[in-house]
Each structure stands twice: as C-alpha cells, then as structure tokens.
Amino acid sequence: MTDPAAGPVTKAVVTVAGLGTRFLPATKATPKEMLPVVDKPAIQYVVEEAVAAGLDDVLLVTGRNKNAIENHFDRNWELEAALEAKGDLERLARVRETVVVADMHYTRQGDPRGLGHAVLCAARHVGDAPFAVLLGDDLIDPRDPLLTTMLDVRTRHGGSVVALMRVPADQINLYGCAEVDHTPRENDDTGTDDIVRVTDLVEKPEVADAPSDLAVIGRYVLDPGVFDVLRKTSPGRGGEIQLTDALRTMARSGDHGPVHGVVFEGRRYDTGDRLEYLKTVVRLACDREDLGPDLRAWLKDFVGAGMGG
C-alpha cells in the first residue's frame, strides 16, 4: 500500500489568524492581510505563490474578523455585473482572477496560541500527506521561486524543509534560528551553499546564544508527522505552541525524516512591519510597467527636492 506521507505535495496551509496590532487603527476592522500592496491585498500574493508552485488546494487558517479574506476569494456577482455592463473587461478579468486562483478552504483558530497551534488546526484537512505552510505576511518575489526549490528538496530527501535567510546578528532574536551541518554527504547535495541539514532550532534566541545567523522565514514544507509532534509540544516562548519547537524535536530525533534548510538570498518582503510594508509597496510598484516609470521619476524629484520639505 502506498504511504501518503511519501507522496507529492499538493496542499498549502496559509496562516492568517494574527491580530495585526502594529497597523492599528487600520486593522481594527480590516485584516492586515487585506491591506493593499499596490492594487492587490497582501494575501493574494501569498496564495498566488502557492498556486505557481503547483499547490492548488489552499487552506487558510483564520481568526475573528477575517471574513473579508473569504469574501475576497469568493464571487461578487453584483460587482462583476456592473463591470460587465460598463464594458470594463480589464477590471472584470482581474476581479475574476481572485476566484479561480485555487481551491480555497477555511478553518478557524479559536484561540491565538501560536504558529504551531495554527498549523495543528490544519490536521483534519491535510490528513497524512506532506504539505506546505506559508505565513500570510511574508511575501516572496515571484521571480525568486523559493517554494519550488523547497518542494524539490522534499522530493529528493523526504522529511521537512524550512526556508532560511541570513540576517544581521543583532536581529536574530526576532526569528527562529537554525543550527546547521555544512558537511557534504555522499550522493547528497546537502552541504552546498544553499541546501543544508538542520540539526537544531531555537525560537528567538538571545543574540549571544544564537547558533548561527540563519533565521527561519515564513515558508515550510512539512512531513505530516509534524502533527503528532505538535500535539506533544508544550507551550514555549510567549506561552504559545511554537512550530520551531516541534521542528527542533524532529531535527534532533530524526523521526519523520530529516529537516533540511534552503538558504534564500532572493527578494523577501515583510508586510507585517509598517516600514517594510511601505518599502514593499514602493519596490513592487517601481517594478510595474504601468506604474514604474512615472513613480521612479516622481521619487527621484521628491528625494532631490528634500522629500517635500
């Protein structure tokens, strides 16, 4: 009988249950994931990334006051009819894109008990198959196919895969931090510059105690055995069930396969931070053919004139 845990990854879990307190009052009634990045909400970029990697079954783990996300990926018949009556076919096509992007599912995380708990909420939907996890406020530029690379590593080596990124030493306490083994193995690409074997993980370590400068960022490809480990994982830092702690157990024990890391050097945008969110909007708008030329020219004049002062 075929082991479903050894099969291909087809499902993505996107966590969007956070309160978005850093963006108050904008997020008092609007989910932070629905804040626009140019002309699409941040969450749409994340879902499109999953679909581009071949994952067209997407479960969003939501919380209270997140109904706007579900509405965004649903049909809006009145709006579509109005655009069609006006002959505005370009905007009509863009509205309809949000509906056909994936097979969307939703579940609620009743209590905000951490990322590990949010992932555990997906157990019934995921079942015994491997799956990907994408954090809703971490955007990866579509020109840098990180998730596709991680899926390839999972196919070759099994187990779980985390995305890693080098950060300044004084910022490592903001992330989960990985200890890695760079030793090459026979018939194995582990030990190369961008694929490493993870031997330990620490959630938000003190700077002096960090085992490396490799931070865990918001992309994971997980063996379904992680659910059993999460059920046995006690609350950790902040009194929450940390996914990092479960992966640490798996990396140390070797149960449910190895844990590998893909060291990412591409373009990542953190839309959960106010300043980084603003930078993201500017960067992505500058790259657009329809907006970029005029915006870059304006920015040049704005900065040259003392930024409007």
Protein backbone atom coordinates (compact mmCIF):
# COMPACT_ATOMS: atom_id res chain seq x y z
CA MET A 1 0.00 0.00 0.00
CA THR A 2 1.32 3.45 -0.91
CA ASP A 3 2.40 5.65 2.00
CA PRO A 4 0.64 9.02 1.56
CA ALA A 5 3.41 10.71 3.54
CA ALA A 6 5.83 9.84 0.74
CA GLY A 7 3.63 11.31 -1.99
CA PRO A 8 3.71 14.67 -3.74
CA VAL A 9 2.85 17.92 -2.00
CA THR A 10 -0.46 19.31 -3.25
CA LYS A 11 -1.82 21.26 -0.29
CA ALA A 12 -0.81 24.61 1.17
CA VAL A 13 -1.73 25.98 4.57
CA VAL A 14 -1.66 29.77 4.90
CA THR A 15 -1.83 31.22 8.40
CA VAL A 16 -3.73 34.50 8.68
CA ALA A 17 -5.04 34.48 12.25
CA GLY A 18 -2.89 37.30 13.66
CA LEU A 19 -4.43 40.49 15.02
CA GLY A 20 -2.22 42.93 13.10
CA THR A 21 -1.82 45.25 16.10
CA ARG A 22 1.19 47.02 14.56
CA PHE A 23 -1.12 48.52 11.93
CA LEU A 24 -3.83 49.84 14.22
CA PRO A 25 -6.15 51.61 13.71
CA ALA A 26 -6.13 50.50 10.04
CA THR A 27 -6.58 46.87 11.11
CA LYS A 28 -9.31 47.50 13.68
CA ALA A 29 -11.94 46.28 11.21
CA THR A 30 -9.77 45.19 8.24
CA PRO A 31 -7.50 42.12 8.37
CA LYS A 32 -3.85 43.09 7.96
CA GLU A 33 -3.60 40.53 5.16
CA MET A 34 -6.12 42.59 3.19
CA LEU A 35 -4.04 45.76 3.24
CA PRO A 36 -3.25 46.62 -0.39
CA VAL A 37 0.21 46.08 -1.82
CA VAL A 38 -0.13 48.31 -4.89
CA ASP A 39 -3.50 47.01 -6.16
CA LYS A 40 -3.77 43.53 -4.66
CA PRO A 41 -4.14 42.58 -1.00
CA ALA A 42 -1.05 41.01 0.53
CA ILE A 43 -2.78 37.66 0.98
CA GLN A 44 -3.38 37.31 -2.76
CA TYR A 45 0.36 37.38 -3.46
CA VAL A 46 0.86 34.53 -0.99
CA VAL A 47 -1.92 32.38 -2.45
CA GLU A 48 -0.66 33.03 -5.98
CA GLU A 49 2.81 31.91 -4.89
CA ALA A 50 1.41 28.60 -3.65
CA VAL A 51 -0.50 28.07 -6.89
CA ALA A 52 2.55 28.92 -9.02
CA ALA A 53 4.42 26.16 -7.17
CA GLY A 54 1.72 23.66 -8.10
CA LEU A 55 -0.28 23.76 -4.87
CA ASP A 56 -3.86 24.48 -5.89
CA ASP A 57 -5.54 23.21 -2.68
CA VAL A 58 -5.18 26.07 -0.20
CA LEU A 59 -6.41 26.12 3.40
CA LEU A 60 -6.45 29.48 5.18
CA VAL A 61 -6.27 29.29 8.97
CA THR A 62 -8.15 32.40 10.02
CA GLY A 63 -9.37 34.08 13.18
CA ARG A 64 -12.05 36.52 14.26
CA ASN A 65 -12.87 39.44 11.94
CA LYS A 66 -11.23 37.75 8.94
CA ASN A 67 -14.38 37.39 6.85
CA ALA A 68 -13.06 39.92 4.34
CA ILE A 69 -10.42 37.40 3.27
CA GLU A 70 -13.04 34.77 2.50
CA ASN A 71 -15.11 37.35 0.63
CA HIS A 72 -12.09 38.38 -1.44
CA PHE A 73 -11.67 34.87 -2.84
CA ASP A 74 -15.41 34.45 -3.44
CA ARG A 75 -17.58 35.64 -6.33
CA ASN A 76 -19.01 39.16 -6.20
CA TRP A 77 -21.85 38.90 -8.66
CA GLU A 78 -23.04 42.48 -8.29
CA LEU A 79 -19.58 43.93 -8.95
CA GLU A 80 -18.97 41.62 -11.88
CA ALA A 81 -22.35 42.51 -13.42
CA ALA A 82 -21.65 46.24 -13.02
CA LEU A 83 -18.21 45.97 -14.65
CA GLU A 84 -19.59 43.85 -17.47
CA ALA A 85 -22.42 46.34 -18.10
CA LYS A 86 -19.84 49.14 -18.33
CA GLY A 87 -17.71 47.13 -20.72
CA ASP A 88 -14.78 47.30 -18.28
CA LEU A 89 -13.43 43.91 -19.25
CA GLU A 90 -9.91 44.52 -17.94
CA ARG A 91 -11.05 45.10 -14.36
CA LEU A 92 -13.65 42.32 -14.70
CA ALA A 93 -10.89 39.84 -15.58
CA ARG A 94 -8.81 40.96 -12.61
CA VAL A 95 -11.75 40.54 -10.23
CA ARG A 96 -12.45 37.05 -11.55
CA GLU A 97 -8.79 36.04 -11.18
CA THR A 98 -9.19 36.03 -7.40
CA VAL A 99 -11.93 33.40 -7.63
CA VAL A 100 -10.24 30.84 -9.90
CA VAL A 101 -6.78 31.15 -8.34
CA ALA A 102 -7.14 27.97 -6.23
CA ASP A 103 -9.49 25.55 -4.47
CA MET A 104 -9.90 27.59 -1.28
CA HIS A 105 -10.79 26.23 2.16
CA TYR A 106 -11.03 27.88 5.57
CA THR A 107 -10.78 26.88 9.21
CA ARG A 108 -10.74 28.96 12.40
CA GLN A 109 -8.01 29.08 15.01
CA GLY A 110 -10.25 29.69 18.01
CA ASP A 111 -7.52 30.87 20.37
CA PRO A 112 -4.31 32.65 19.30
CA ARG A 113 -1.98 30.01 20.73
CA GLY A 114 0.94 30.34 18.34
CA LEU A 115 2.03 29.23 14.88
CA GLY A 116 2.35 25.61 15.95
CA HIS A 117 -1.26 25.61 17.10
CA ALA A 118 -2.36 27.28 13.85
CA VAL A 119 -0.66 24.53 11.85
CA LEU A 120 -2.28 21.89 14.07
CA CYS A 121 -5.68 23.36 13.15
CA ALA A 122 -4.99 22.15 9.59
CA ALA A 123 -4.54 18.49 10.56
CA ARG A 124 -8.01 17.31 9.54
CA HIS A 125 -7.81 18.96 6.13
CA VAL A 126 -4.23 17.89 5.39
CA GLY A 127 -4.52 14.30 6.59
CA ASP A 128 -1.49 12.02 6.17
CA ALA A 129 0.12 13.85 3.24
CA PRO A 130 3.05 16.28 3.22
CA PHE A 131 2.07 19.93 2.91
CA ALA A 132 3.44 23.46 2.68
CA VAL A 133 2.95 26.28 5.18
CA LEU A 134 3.11 29.92 4.11
CA LEU A 135 2.87 32.82 6.54
CA GLY A 136 0.39 35.43 5.36
CA ASP A 137 2.58 38.49 5.95
CA ASP A 138 5.74 37.11 4.31
CA LEU A 139 5.89 37.86 0.59
CA ILE A 140 8.45 36.22 -1.69
CA ASP A 141 9.06 37.87 -5.03
CA PRO A 142 7.61 35.65 -7.81
CA ARG A 143 10.91 36.00 -9.69
CA ASP A 144 12.58 34.01 -6.89
CA PRO A 145 10.91 30.56 -6.78
CA LEU A 146 11.80 29.66 -3.19
CA LEU A 147 8.83 27.37 -2.59
CA THR A 148 9.51 25.38 -5.76
CA THR A 149 13.09 24.79 -4.61
CA MET A 150 11.87 23.64 -1.20
CA LEU A 151 9.43 21.20 -2.80
CA ASP A 152 12.28 19.78 -4.88
CA VAL A 153 14.36 19.26 -1.73
CA ARG A 154 11.45 17.46 -0.08
CA THR A 155 11.09 15.21 -3.16
CA ARG A 156 14.79 14.28 -3.06
CA HIS A 157 15.27 13.87 0.68
CA GLY A 158 11.86 13.44 2.30
CA GLY A 159 11.24 14.84 5.76
CA SER A 160 10.67 18.55 6.22
CA VAL A 161 12.21 21.68 4.71
CA VAL A 162 12.45 25.19 6.17
CA ALA A 163 13.37 28.44 4.47
CA LEU A 164 16.41 30.19 5.95
CA MET A 165 17.78 33.66 5.42
CA ARG A 166 20.92 35.30 6.79
CA VAL A 167 20.15 38.29 8.99
CA PRO A 168 22.35 40.76 10.90
CA ALA A 169 23.49 39.29 14.21
CA ASP A 170 21.61 41.88 16.25
CA GLN A 171 18.29 40.86 14.61
CA ILE A 172 18.44 37.09 15.10
CA ASN A 173 16.47 37.39 18.34
CA LEU A 174 13.43 38.30 16.24
CA TYR A 175 13.33 34.92 14.49
CA GLY A 176 13.64 31.22 14.92
CA CYS A 177 17.31 30.39 14.41
CA ALA A 178 18.81 27.26 12.83
CA GLU A 179 21.94 25.33 13.67
CA VAL A 180 23.09 23.57 10.50
CA ASP A 181 25.55 20.96 9.32
CA HIS A 182 27.53 22.00 6.25
CA THR A 183 29.33 18.65 5.97
CA PRO A 184 28.79 17.22 2.45
CA ARG A 185 27.25 13.75 2.27
CA GLU A 186 27.80 11.15 -0.40
CA ASN A 187 25.21 11.31 -3.19
CA ASP A 188 23.61 14.27 -1.44
CA ASP A 189 23.51 17.97 -2.30
CA THR A 190 23.30 18.82 1.40
CA GLY A 191 26.32 20.87 2.39
CA THR A 192 26.17 23.15 -0.63
CA ASP A 193 25.80 26.87 -0.15
CA ASP A 194 22.02 26.88 -0.36
CA ILE A 195 20.90 23.46 0.95
CA VAL A 196 21.87 22.48 4.50
CA ARG A 197 20.94 19.85 7.05
CA VAL A 198 19.27 21.41 10.09
CA THR A 199 20.48 19.88 13.37
CA ASP A 200 18.78 22.20 15.87
CA LEU A 201 16.38 25.13 16.05
CA VAL A 202 15.90 27.81 18.70
CA GLU A 203 12.96 30.19 18.84
CA LYS A 204 14.08 33.85 19.19
CA PRO A 205 17.38 33.20 20.97
CA GLU A 206 19.36 35.85 22.76
CA VAL A 207 21.96 37.27 20.39
CA ALA A 208 24.85 35.77 22.38
CA ASP A 209 23.23 32.33 22.35
CA ALA A 210 22.27 32.15 18.67
CA PRO A 211 23.83 29.13 16.93
CA SER A 212 24.09 30.95 13.59
CA ASP A 213 22.89 33.95 11.61
CA LEU A 214 20.36 31.81 9.73
CA ALA A 215 16.81 32.90 10.52
CA VAL A 216 13.73 30.83 9.73
CA ILE A 217 11.39 32.79 7.45
CA GLY A 218 7.78 32.11 6.60
CA ARG A 219 7.94 29.11 4.27
CA TYR A 220 7.87 25.46 5.32
CA VAL A 221 7.34 22.10 3.63
CA LEU A 222 6.35 19.66 6.35
CA ASP A 223 6.06 15.94 6.79
CA PRO A 224 2.62 15.10 8.23
CA GLY A 225 4.38 13.58 11.25
CA VAL A 226 4.67 17.16 12.49
CA PHE A 227 1.06 16.92 13.71
CA ASP A 228 1.91 14.14 16.18
CA VAL A 229 4.90 16.13 17.41
CA LEU A 230 2.86 19.33 17.78
CA ARG A 231 0.25 17.51 19.87
CA LYS A 232 3.02 16.63 22.34
CA THR A 233 4.74 20.02 22.24
CA SER A 234 4.31 22.12 25.36
CA PRO A 235 3.82 25.88 25.11
CA GLY A 236 7.18 27.58 24.68
CA ARG A 237 8.26 31.16 24.24
CA GLY A 238 5.41 33.60 24.88
CA GLY A 239 3.27 30.78 26.27
CA GLU A 240 2.49 29.67 22.71
CA ILE A 241 2.90 26.37 20.86
CA GLN A 242 5.86 27.07 18.61
CA LEU A 243 6.31 25.32 15.27
CA THR A 244 10.05 25.89 15.75
CA ASP A 245 9.97 23.71 18.89
CA ALA A 246 8.28 20.86 17.04
CA LEU A 247 10.77 21.05 14.19
CA ARG A 248 13.58 21.11 16.73
CA THR A 249 12.32 17.80 18.13
CA MET A 250 12.15 16.33 14.63
CA ALA A 251 15.61 17.59 13.66
CA ARG A 252 17.20 16.14 16.80
CA SER A 253 15.41 12.78 16.76
CA GLY A 254 15.33 12.10 13.03
CA ASP A 255 11.78 10.84 13.43
CA HIS A 256 9.59 11.64 10.42
CA GLY A 257 12.67 12.16 8.26
CA PRO A 258 15.39 14.80 8.22
CA VAL A 259 14.93 18.55 8.40
CA HIS A 260 16.67 20.46 5.62
CA GLY A 261 17.03 24.17 5.09
CA VAL A 262 17.10 26.18 1.89
CA VAL A 263 19.20 29.31 2.34
CA PHE A 264 17.33 32.03 0.47
CA GLU A 265 19.17 35.03 -0.97
CA GLY A 266 16.35 36.45 -3.04
CA ARG A 267 13.74 39.16 -2.52
CA ARG A 268 11.54 38.86 0.58
CA TYR A 269 9.04 41.46 1.75
CA ASP A 270 7.77 41.61 5.33
CA THR A 271 4.32 43.18 5.15
CA GLY A 272 3.80 42.66 8.88
CA ASP A 273 6.12 45.57 9.70
CA ARG A 274 4.97 49.12 8.92
CA LEU A 275 8.22 50.41 7.43
CA GLU A 276 8.86 47.21 5.48
CA TYR A 277 5.28 47.29 4.23
CA LEU A 278 5.80 50.78 2.82
CA LYS A 279 9.08 49.72 1.20
CA THR A 280 7.32 46.71 -0.32
CA VAL A 281 4.63 48.85 -1.94
CA VAL A 282 7.24 51.20 -3.41
CA ARG A 283 9.51 48.40 -4.66
CA LEU A 284 6.76 46.40 -6.32
CA ALA A 285 5.16 49.50 -7.83
CA CYS A 286 8.51 50.60 -9.25
CA ASP A 287 8.83 47.22 -10.96
CA ARG A 288 5.47 47.55 -12.68
CA GLU A 289 5.46 48.51 -16.36
CA ASP A 290 2.28 50.55 -15.94
CA LEU A 291 3.37 52.42 -12.79
CA GLY A 292 7.14 52.12 -12.53
CA PRO A 293 8.41 54.78 -14.96
CA ASP A 294 6.25 57.59 -13.58
CA LEU A 295 6.74 56.56 -9.96
CA ARG A 296 10.53 56.31 -10.28
CA ALA A 297 10.66 59.74 -11.89
CA TRP A 298 8.50 61.20 -9.14
CA LEU A 299 10.58 59.59 -6.40
CA LYS A 300 13.75 61.00 -7.92
CA ASP A 301 12.26 64.50 -7.94
CA PHE A 302 10.74 64.06 -4.46
CA VAL A 303 14.00 62.94 -2.86
CA GLY A 304 16.03 65.51 -4.81
CA ALA A 305 13.78 68.31 -3.60
CA GLY A 306 14.27 67.38 0.03
CA MET A 307 11.30 64.98 0.19
CA GLY A 308 8.63 67.61 0.06
CA GLY A 309 10.01 69.67 2.89
